[in-house]
Amino acid sequence: MKIINTNQNSFKNDFETILQRAKSDIKGVSKIVENIIDEIVQDGNEALKRHIEKFDKWQVKNDDDLLIPQEDMKKAYDNLDLNLKKSLHTAFDRIKNYHEKQLPKSWIDFEDNGTILGQKVTPVDRAGLYIPGGKAAYPSSLLMNAIPALVAKVKEIIVCTPTPNNEVNELLLAACYLCKVSKVYKVGGASAIAAMAYGTKTIPKVDVITGPGNIFVATAKKMVFGEVNIDMIAGPSEIGVLADETANPRYVAFDLLSQAEHDEMASSILITTDDNLAKSVSVEVSNILKDLSRKDIAQKSIDERGAIIVASNITEAISLMNEIAPEHLEVMTKNPFELLPYIKHAGAIFLGENTPEPIGDYIAGPNHTLPTGSTAKFYSPLNVENFLKKSSIISFSKNAINELGEACALLADTEGLEAHAKSVRVRLENK
């Protein structure tokens, strides 16, 4: 991995390149995605069939072929290896327990003058989950997207996932059964996002779409936002590691590669205060890569988007990491909890050498659908509230309207909205 130092003359330019790591060519694919969406809106299932044949290389003979039967989900679950089933249940229980703590409550407040104010929290009627299935299948993403919807008590949860060559991942189906998913459709890419946003003869229109995907999926989600709600526009996976001289270089190297093996576009960045650690980690990464099963993907990611930064002190290191605002941030220092108050921007924060990022991907409990590309500065992880909406509750008594009505009408007068003012004052005539 390339090592750069904050005292080098070239550092400013090098760091700017890191900050631009997730700049995707959305403009370059926008026209393609726009055409895909238009085709789905106009031709529905027929367009889906054409797109599946083109991109996933199998022929859909009739509309029923788009849907995976419920009995296939149950069969996949029943046939799971017992140890794997136990692990799936452990992950399910931990994720569910964590997200249950996020549930907001409806509330009512009573004022002395008879005013009643409150908030009513209700789930959306139907949620659409996009689960990738191209370079790899991700049952864990199904758990992370479906469980918050389950906790929110969404009535209907549907899933769209690509099935190249019409091959379905059995563990994904088992996870769908465990999460009580209503329907699973063998549709991927921008086509799936458009189908869930606008509806077709087979795929119903949803209220919210969540889940990660490639640049075509991300662009489609951006385009349909407003027709439906979305969770976020996520880019390639990334990890930042903040480390001092106490960090284990082999641990750090494996953790950096845990993201690099996802995708050639993934980024892995170490910021450390120790020159020796920087050099040791670079050597470890090279050694581990030689035998990694996804070597080619990880190597390209490390070469093009990986970096080790040597900072002059821990304050500078934290400041740089806050500027990067990584999706995943590991803190591998002598006293990691002491640094927590100074970390402002990260999707998920992993504290201590025994908390590798993959623990968060599968089993810890918090959601692994996280903001990428510095969007952790304003986005939050996927959570229960993505599947909920809030309604304000307002009720005024006669005393309340008499007490506050004229102030309200006066504000309406200043905005030139006569009917607004009179709709209040007509109730004050009998004051």
Protein backbone atom coordinates (compact mmCIF):
# COMPACT_ATOMS: atom_id res chain seq x y z
CA MET A 1 0.00 0.00 0.00
CA LYS A 2 1.22 3.49 -0.71
CA ILE A 3 2.32 5.44 2.37
CA ILE A 4 1.96 9.23 2.49
CA ASN A 5 3.00 11.59 5.24
CA THR A 6 1.18 14.74 6.27
CA ASN A 7 4.46 16.71 6.18
CA GLN A 8 5.08 15.93 2.49
CA ASN A 9 4.60 18.78 0.00
CA SER A 10 2.31 16.59 -2.08
CA PHE A 11 0.05 15.64 0.82
CA LYS A 12 -2.70 18.19 0.10
CA ASN A 13 -3.18 16.82 -3.42
CA ASP A 14 -2.90 13.21 -2.25
CA PHE A 15 -5.52 13.78 0.44
CA GLU A 16 -7.86 15.50 -2.00
CA THR A 17 -7.71 12.37 -4.15
CA ILE A 18 -8.80 10.31 -1.13
CA LEU A 19 -11.71 12.67 -0.49
CA GLN A 20 -12.82 12.21 -4.09
CA ARG A 21 -12.72 8.39 -3.72
CA ALA A 22 -16.46 7.87 -4.15
CA LYS A 23 -17.16 10.35 -6.92
CA SER A 24 -19.13 8.05 -9.21
CA ASP A 25 -19.87 8.85 -12.81
CA ILE A 26 -23.60 9.16 -12.22
CA LYS A 27 -23.90 11.54 -15.17
CA GLY A 28 -22.30 8.90 -17.35
CA VAL A 29 -24.98 6.32 -16.57
CA SER A 30 -27.93 8.67 -16.03
CA LYS A 31 -29.24 8.41 -19.58
CA ILE A 32 -29.02 4.61 -19.53
CA VAL A 33 -30.87 4.44 -16.20
CA GLU A 34 -33.45 6.99 -17.35
CA ASN A 35 -34.19 4.84 -20.41
CA ILE A 36 -34.51 1.71 -18.23
CA ILE A 37 -36.97 3.48 -15.93
CA ASP A 38 -38.99 4.78 -18.88
CA GLU A 39 -39.21 1.27 -20.33
CA ILE A 40 -40.46 -0.17 -17.05
CA VAL A 41 -43.06 2.60 -16.69
CA GLN A 42 -44.29 2.07 -20.27
CA ASP A 43 -43.98 -1.70 -20.74
CA GLY A 44 -43.98 -3.11 -17.20
CA ASN A 45 -43.37 -6.85 -17.08
CA GLU A 46 -42.42 -7.05 -20.75
CA ALA A 47 -39.58 -4.61 -20.17
CA LEU A 48 -38.51 -6.59 -17.09
CA LYS A 49 -38.32 -9.74 -19.19
CA ARG A 50 -36.17 -8.02 -21.82
CA HIS A 51 -33.82 -6.61 -19.18
CA ILE A 52 -33.45 -9.95 -17.38
CA GLU A 53 -32.62 -11.72 -20.63
CA LYS A 54 -30.05 -9.01 -21.47
CA PHE A 55 -28.37 -8.57 -18.09
CA ASP A 56 -28.96 -11.83 -16.19
CA LYS A 57 -28.80 -14.17 -19.19
CA TRP A 58 -31.96 -16.21 -18.77
CA GLN A 59 -35.34 -16.18 -20.48
CA VAL A 60 -38.53 -15.38 -18.57
CA LYS A 61 -41.29 -17.45 -20.19
CA ASN A 62 -44.21 -16.01 -18.23
CA ASP A 63 -44.95 -13.53 -15.45
CA ASP A 64 -44.99 -16.24 -12.79
CA ASP A 65 -41.29 -16.91 -13.47
CA LEU A 66 -40.47 -13.53 -11.90
CA LEU A 67 -41.71 -14.65 -8.48
CA ILE A 68 -39.98 -17.14 -6.20
CA PRO A 69 -42.64 -19.35 -4.57
CA GLN A 70 -43.02 -19.25 -0.78
CA GLU A 71 -42.47 -23.01 -0.62
CA ASP A 72 -38.99 -22.54 -2.13
CA MET A 73 -38.12 -20.17 0.72
CA LYS A 74 -39.36 -22.63 3.33
CA LYS A 75 -37.53 -25.52 1.64
CA ALA A 76 -34.27 -23.52 1.63
CA TYR A 77 -34.72 -22.76 5.33
CA ASP A 78 -35.57 -26.35 6.23
CA ASN A 79 -32.56 -27.68 4.32
CA LEU A 80 -30.03 -25.38 5.98
CA ASP A 81 -27.06 -26.94 7.73
CA LEU A 82 -27.90 -26.90 11.46
CA ASN A 83 -24.85 -24.86 12.45
CA LEU A 84 -25.53 -22.35 9.69
CA LYS A 85 -29.19 -22.13 10.76
CA LYS A 86 -28.09 -21.48 14.33
CA SER A 87 -25.76 -18.71 13.17
CA LEU A 88 -28.54 -17.18 11.09
CA HIS A 89 -30.85 -17.16 14.11
CA THR A 90 -28.16 -15.67 16.33
CA ALA A 91 -27.67 -12.82 13.85
CA PHE A 92 -31.46 -12.38 13.50
CA ASP A 93 -32.00 -12.16 17.26
CA ARG A 94 -29.15 -9.72 17.85
CA ILE A 95 -30.14 -7.43 14.97
CA LYS A 96 -33.78 -7.48 16.05
CA ASN A 97 -32.93 -6.72 19.69
CA TYR A 98 -30.77 -3.75 18.67
CA HIS A 99 -33.37 -2.27 16.34
CA GLU A 100 -36.20 -2.67 18.85
CA LYS A 101 -34.38 -0.10 20.98
CA GLN A 102 -34.71 2.43 18.14
CA LEU A 103 -38.51 2.42 18.02
CA PRO A 104 -39.90 5.95 18.48
CA LYS A 105 -43.19 6.28 20.33
CA SER A 106 -46.37 8.15 19.60
CA TRP A 107 -47.07 10.81 22.24
CA ILE A 108 -49.75 13.25 23.39
CA ASP A 109 -49.22 16.44 25.42
CA PHE A 110 -52.01 18.40 27.18
CA GLU A 111 -51.68 22.16 27.84
CA ASP A 112 -53.58 24.06 30.55
CA ASN A 113 -55.69 26.01 28.03
CA GLY A 114 -57.08 22.83 26.47
CA THR A 115 -54.61 22.50 23.60
CA ILE A 116 -53.70 18.93 22.72
CA LEU A 117 -50.52 18.34 20.71
CA GLY A 118 -48.85 15.10 19.81
CA GLN A 119 -47.19 12.84 17.31
CA LYS A 120 -48.52 9.63 15.77
CA VAL A 121 -45.94 7.14 14.49
CA THR A 122 -47.11 4.63 11.88
CA PRO A 123 -45.28 2.23 9.55
CA VAL A 124 -45.40 2.49 5.78
CA ASP A 125 -47.75 -0.01 4.15
CA ARG A 126 -45.21 -1.67 1.86
CA ALA A 127 -41.41 -1.72 1.81
CA GLY A 128 -39.23 -2.77 -1.10
CA LEU A 129 -35.79 -4.18 -0.33
CA TYR A 130 -33.06 -4.39 -2.94
CA ILE A 131 -30.55 -7.16 -2.22
CA PRO A 132 -27.51 -7.39 -4.53
CA GLY A 133 -26.71 -10.67 -6.24
CA GLY A 134 -24.13 -9.98 -8.93
CA LYS A 135 -20.50 -10.57 -7.90
CA ALA A 136 -21.66 -12.15 -4.64
CA ALA A 137 -24.88 -12.92 -2.79
CA TYR A 138 -25.56 -11.12 0.49
CA PRO A 139 -28.04 -12.83 2.84
CA SER A 140 -26.68 -10.56 5.59
CA SER A 141 -28.00 -7.55 3.67
CA LEU A 142 -31.44 -9.16 3.68
CA LEU A 143 -31.35 -9.44 7.48
CA MET A 144 -30.17 -5.84 7.86
CA ASN A 145 -32.92 -4.46 5.62
CA ALA A 146 -35.81 -6.74 6.53
CA ILE A 147 -35.47 -6.77 10.31
CA PRO A 148 -35.89 -2.98 10.81
CA ALA A 149 -39.00 -3.20 8.61
CA LEU A 150 -40.27 -6.12 10.71
CA VAL A 151 -39.64 -4.17 13.93
CA ALA A 152 -41.47 -1.18 12.45
CA LYS A 153 -44.41 -3.55 11.76
CA VAL A 154 -44.50 -2.93 8.00
CA LYS A 155 -47.45 -4.93 6.68
CA GLU A 156 -45.85 -6.11 3.43
CA ILE A 157 -42.13 -6.57 2.73
CA ILE A 158 -41.03 -7.44 -0.81
CA VAL A 159 -37.55 -8.21 -2.10
CA CYS A 160 -35.96 -7.78 -5.51
CA THR A 161 -32.67 -9.53 -6.20
CA PRO A 162 -30.84 -10.36 -9.45
CA THR A 163 -30.42 -14.04 -10.33
CA PRO A 164 -27.70 -14.40 -12.98
CA ASN A 165 -28.39 -17.47 -15.12
CA ASN A 166 -31.57 -17.95 -13.06
CA GLU A 167 -29.54 -19.23 -10.09
CA VAL A 168 -30.94 -18.34 -6.67
CA ASN A 169 -28.86 -18.20 -3.48
CA GLU A 170 -30.38 -20.71 -1.07
CA LEU A 171 -29.15 -18.93 2.07
CA LEU A 172 -30.77 -15.73 0.85
CA LEU A 173 -34.06 -17.59 0.43
CA ALA A 174 -33.72 -19.07 3.92
CA ALA A 175 -33.14 -15.60 5.35
CA CYS A 176 -36.23 -14.33 3.50
CA TYR A 177 -38.30 -17.09 5.11
CA LEU A 178 -36.93 -16.30 8.57
CA CYS A 179 -37.71 -12.60 8.09
CA LYS A 180 -41.28 -13.29 6.91
CA VAL A 181 -40.71 -11.59 3.55
CA SER A 182 -43.99 -11.48 1.62
CA LYS A 183 -42.62 -11.94 -1.90
CA VAL A 184 -39.23 -12.30 -3.60
CA TYR A 185 -38.78 -11.31 -7.25
CA LYS A 186 -35.94 -12.37 -9.53
CA VAL A 187 -35.28 -8.87 -10.78
CA GLY A 188 -32.13 -6.78 -10.37
CA GLY A 189 -30.45 -3.52 -11.25
CA ALA A 190 -32.16 -0.27 -12.15
CA SER A 191 -35.08 -2.32 -13.52
CA ALA A 192 -35.90 -3.58 -10.01
CA ILE A 193 -35.79 -0.06 -8.54
CA ALA A 194 -38.11 1.25 -11.25
CA ALA A 195 -40.50 -1.69 -10.85
CA MET A 196 -40.77 -1.15 -7.09
CA ALA A 197 -41.13 2.63 -7.49
CA TYR A 198 -43.85 2.59 -10.14
CA GLY A 199 -45.28 -0.93 -9.99
CA THR A 200 -45.90 -3.48 -12.75
CA LYS A 201 -48.51 -6.16 -13.28
CA THR A 202 -46.49 -8.49 -11.04
CA ILE A 203 -44.44 -6.25 -8.76
CA PRO A 204 -46.45 -3.88 -6.54
CA LYS A 205 -45.55 -0.23 -6.02
CA VAL A 206 -43.86 0.29 -2.65
CA ASP A 207 -43.62 3.27 -0.29
CA VAL A 208 -39.91 3.05 0.52
CA ILE A 209 -36.93 1.37 -1.17
CA THR A 210 -33.85 0.40 0.84
CA GLY A 211 -30.73 -1.60 0.16
CA PRO A 212 -27.32 -1.23 -1.51
CA GLY A 213 -26.38 -1.72 -5.13
CA ASN A 214 -24.02 -0.72 -7.94
CA ILE A 215 -23.90 2.66 -9.66
CA PHE A 216 -26.96 1.82 -11.79
CA VAL A 217 -28.99 0.95 -8.70
CA ALA A 218 -27.77 4.06 -6.84
CA THR A 219 -28.61 6.28 -9.81
CA ALA A 220 -32.07 4.73 -10.17
CA LYS A 221 -32.78 5.28 -6.46
CA LYS A 222 -31.79 8.92 -6.84
CA MET A 223 -34.10 9.30 -9.85
CA VAL A 224 -37.18 7.71 -8.24
CA PHE A 225 -36.80 9.57 -4.93
CA GLY A 226 -39.97 11.59 -4.47
CA GLU A 227 -42.11 8.93 -6.13
CA VAL A 228 -41.05 6.76 -3.19
CA ASN A 229 -38.79 7.34 -0.21
CA ILE A 230 -35.29 5.83 -0.15
CA ASP A 231 -32.77 5.12 2.59
CA MET A 232 -29.66 6.69 1.06
CA ILE A 233 -27.56 6.74 -2.10
CA ALA A 234 -24.73 4.39 -1.20
CA GLY A 235 -21.49 3.94 -3.10
CA PRO A 236 -18.65 1.40 -2.89
CA SER A 237 -17.74 -0.05 0.50
CA GLU A 238 -14.97 1.57 2.54
CA ILE A 239 -13.08 1.35 5.81
CA GLY A 240 -10.97 3.78 7.79
CA VAL A 241 -8.63 2.61 10.55
CA LEU A 242 -7.32 5.01 13.18
CA ALA A 243 -4.31 3.43 14.89
CA ASP A 244 -1.34 4.20 17.13
CA GLU A 245 1.84 2.25 17.88
CA THR A 246 -0.10 -0.30 20.00
CA ALA A 247 -2.08 -1.66 17.05
CA ASN A 248 -1.42 -5.16 15.74
CA PRO A 249 -0.29 -4.72 12.09
CA ARG A 250 -1.66 -8.12 11.03
CA TYR A 251 -5.08 -7.28 12.46
CA VAL A 252 -5.06 -3.93 10.68
CA ALA A 253 -4.02 -5.50 7.36
CA PHE A 254 -6.79 -8.09 7.41
CA ASP A 255 -9.34 -5.43 8.35
CA LEU A 256 -8.29 -3.21 5.45
CA LEU A 257 -8.57 -6.16 3.07
CA SER A 258 -11.99 -7.10 4.45
CA GLN A 259 -13.36 -4.14 2.50
CA ALA A 260 -10.96 -4.26 -0.45
CA GLU A 261 -12.20 -7.76 -1.36
CA HIS A 262 -15.76 -6.42 -1.77
CA ASP A 263 -15.18 -4.42 -4.93
CA GLU A 264 -12.43 -2.90 -7.06
CA MET A 265 -13.98 0.49 -6.21
CA ALA A 266 -13.81 -0.09 -2.43
CA SER A 267 -11.42 2.05 -0.43
CA SER A 268 -9.30 1.09 2.58
CA ILE A 269 -7.51 3.86 4.47
CA LEU A 270 -5.25 3.66 7.52
CA ILE A 271 -4.29 6.80 9.43
CA THR A 272 -1.63 6.24 12.05
CA THR A 273 0.79 8.24 14.18
CA ASP A 274 3.48 5.57 13.91
CA ASP A 275 5.88 5.17 10.96
CA ASN A 276 6.77 1.61 11.92
CA LEU A 277 3.13 0.52 12.00
CA ALA A 278 2.58 2.06 8.56
CA LYS A 279 5.47 0.07 7.08
CA SER A 280 4.48 -3.16 8.85
CA VAL A 281 0.87 -2.95 7.69
CA SER A 282 1.97 -2.33 4.10
CA VAL A 283 4.12 -5.47 4.18
CA GLU A 284 1.35 -7.54 5.82
CA VAL A 285 -1.18 -6.46 3.17
CA SER A 286 1.18 -7.57 0.38
CA ASN A 287 1.78 -10.94 2.04
CA ILE A 288 -1.88 -11.65 2.76
CA LEU A 289 -2.95 -10.68 -0.76
CA LYS A 290 -0.87 -13.48 -2.29
CA ASP A 291 -3.24 -16.17 -0.99
CA LEU A 292 -6.55 -14.29 -0.89
CA SER A 293 -9.32 -15.98 -2.87
CA ARG A 294 -10.54 -12.62 -4.21
CA LYS A 295 -6.97 -11.44 -4.80
CA ASP A 296 -7.54 -9.65 -8.11
CA ILE A 297 -10.44 -7.57 -6.79
CA ALA A 298 -8.68 -6.72 -3.52
CA GLN A 299 -5.38 -5.93 -5.25
CA LYS A 300 -6.98 -3.42 -7.61
CA SER A 301 -8.87 -1.79 -4.74
CA ILE A 302 -5.68 -1.47 -2.65
CA ASP A 303 -3.59 -0.20 -5.58
CA GLU A 304 -6.08 2.39 -6.79
CA ARG A 305 -8.04 3.42 -3.70
CA GLY A 306 -6.04 2.29 -0.70
CA ALA A 307 -3.71 4.50 1.34
CA ILE A 308 -1.75 4.70 4.57
CA ILE A 309 -1.41 8.19 6.03
CA VAL A 310 1.18 8.96 8.70
CA ALA A 311 -0.02 11.89 10.83
CA SER A 312 2.14 13.99 13.15
CA ASN A 313 -0.13 13.38 16.17
CA ILE A 314 -3.45 11.83 17.16
CA THR A 315 -5.32 15.15 16.96
CA GLU A 316 -4.30 15.56 13.33
CA ALA A 317 -5.17 11.93 12.63
CA ILE A 318 -8.69 12.33 14.03
CA SER A 319 -9.20 15.57 12.11
CA LEU A 320 -8.25 13.89 8.82
CA MET A 321 -10.50 10.91 9.54
CA ASN A 322 -13.43 13.22 10.32
CA GLU A 323 -12.86 14.86 6.95
CA ILE A 324 -12.92 11.45 5.24
CA ALA A 325 -16.07 10.46 7.20
CA PRO A 326 -15.74 6.74 6.41
CA GLU A 327 -18.52 4.19 6.19
CA HIS A 328 -16.74 1.98 8.74
CA LEU A 329 -14.23 3.37 11.25
CA GLU A 330 -12.04 1.16 13.41
CA VAL A 331 -10.24 2.76 16.34
CA MET A 332 -7.23 0.63 17.28
CA THR A 333 -5.43 2.70 19.88
CA LYS A 334 -4.34 2.19 23.48
CA ASN A 335 -7.52 3.80 24.87
CA PRO A 336 -10.06 3.91 22.02
CA PHE A 337 -13.00 5.11 24.15
CA GLU A 338 -11.03 8.25 25.04
CA LEU A 339 -11.12 9.25 21.36
CA LEU A 340 -14.84 8.63 20.89
CA PRO A 341 -15.97 12.18 21.87
CA TYR A 342 -13.75 13.63 19.12
CA ILE A 343 -15.03 11.41 16.31
CA LYS A 344 -17.76 13.35 14.53
CA HIS A 345 -18.34 11.61 11.21
CA ALA A 346 -18.53 7.85 10.62
CA GLY A 347 -21.26 5.40 9.64
CA ALA A 348 -20.27 2.85 12.29
CA ILE A 349 -17.48 3.06 14.87
CA PHE A 350 -15.63 -0.09 15.96
CA LEU A 351 -13.66 0.36 19.19
CA GLY A 352 -10.73 -1.82 20.18
CA GLU A 353 -8.59 -4.49 18.55
CA ASN A 354 -11.16 -7.26 19.17
CA THR A 355 -13.87 -5.50 17.16
CA PRO A 356 -13.11 -6.10 13.47
CA GLU A 357 -15.49 -4.59 10.93
CA PRO A 358 -16.94 -7.98 9.81
CA ILE A 359 -18.42 -8.35 13.32
CA GLY A 360 -20.64 -5.42 12.40
CA ASP A 361 -21.46 -6.90 8.99
CA TYR A 362 -22.99 -10.04 10.43
CA ILE A 363 -23.54 -10.52 14.11
CA ALA A 364 -23.11 -7.47 16.39
CA GLY A 365 -26.62 -6.06 15.91
CA PRO A 366 -26.33 -2.50 14.50
CA ASN A 367 -27.21 -2.11 10.84
CA HIS A 368 -24.51 -2.61 8.23
CA THR A 369 -26.29 -0.52 5.58
CA LEU A 370 -24.24 2.63 6.10
CA PRO A 371 -23.51 5.98 4.44
CA THR A 372 -20.46 5.99 2.16
CA GLY A 373 -18.29 8.53 0.35
CA SER A 374 -18.23 11.07 3.20
CA THR A 375 -22.05 11.16 3.38
CA ALA A 376 -21.74 10.07 7.03
CA LYS A 377 -21.49 13.83 7.60
CA PHE A 378 -25.26 14.03 7.08
CA TYR A 379 -26.68 10.50 6.64
CA SER A 380 -27.33 7.88 9.34
CA PRO A 381 -27.25 4.07 9.14
CA LEU A 382 -30.40 2.32 7.95
CA ASN A 383 -32.74 2.09 10.93
CA VAL A 384 -36.32 1.48 12.01
CA GLU A 385 -37.31 5.09 11.27
CA ASN A 386 -36.66 4.52 7.55
CA PHE A 387 -39.83 2.40 7.60
CA LEU A 388 -41.93 4.76 9.71
CA LYS A 389 -43.64 8.07 9.16
CA LYS A 390 -44.87 10.62 11.66
CA SER A 391 -48.09 12.59 11.74
CA SER A 392 -48.57 15.68 13.89
CA ILE A 393 -51.64 15.77 16.17
CA ILE A 394 -53.29 19.13 16.91
CA SER A 395 -56.49 19.92 18.78
CA PHE A 396 -57.49 23.38 20.10
CA SER A 397 -60.20 24.04 22.64
CA LYS A 398 -62.34 27.22 22.58
CA ASN A 399 -60.10 28.69 25.27
CA ALA A 400 -57.01 27.88 23.23
CA ILE A 401 -58.28 29.43 19.99
CA ASN A 402 -59.37 32.55 21.92
CA GLU A 403 -55.94 32.79 23.54
CA LEU A 404 -53.77 32.19 20.47
CA GLY A 405 -56.02 32.89 17.48
CA GLU A 406 -55.37 36.61 17.05
CA ALA A 407 -51.60 36.09 17.07
CA CYS A 408 -52.04 33.45 14.38
CA ALA A 409 -54.31 35.69 12.28
CA LEU A 410 -51.87 38.58 12.55
CA LEU A 411 -49.05 36.42 11.19
CA ALA A 412 -51.32 35.39 8.30
CA ASP A 413 -52.09 39.07 7.62
CA THR A 414 -48.40 39.85 7.26
CA GLU A 415 -48.08 37.13 4.61
CA GLY A 416 -51.08 38.52 2.70
CA LEU A 417 -53.17 35.37 3.17
CA GLU A 418 -56.62 36.79 3.88
CA ALA A 419 -58.55 33.51 3.99
CA HIS A 420 -56.00 32.09 6.41
CA ALA A 421 -56.57 35.00 8.79
CA LYS A 422 -60.36 34.94 8.43
CA SER A 423 -60.58 31.18 8.99
CA VAL A 424 -59.17 31.90 12.47
CA ARG A 425 -61.00 35.16 13.20
CA VAL A 426 -64.40 33.69 12.27
CA ARG A 427 -63.94 31.46 15.31
CA LEU A 428 -63.16 34.46 17.49
CA GLU A 429 -66.37 36.34 16.71
CA ASN A 430 -68.16 34.83 19.65
CA LYS A 431 -65.26 35.43 22.01
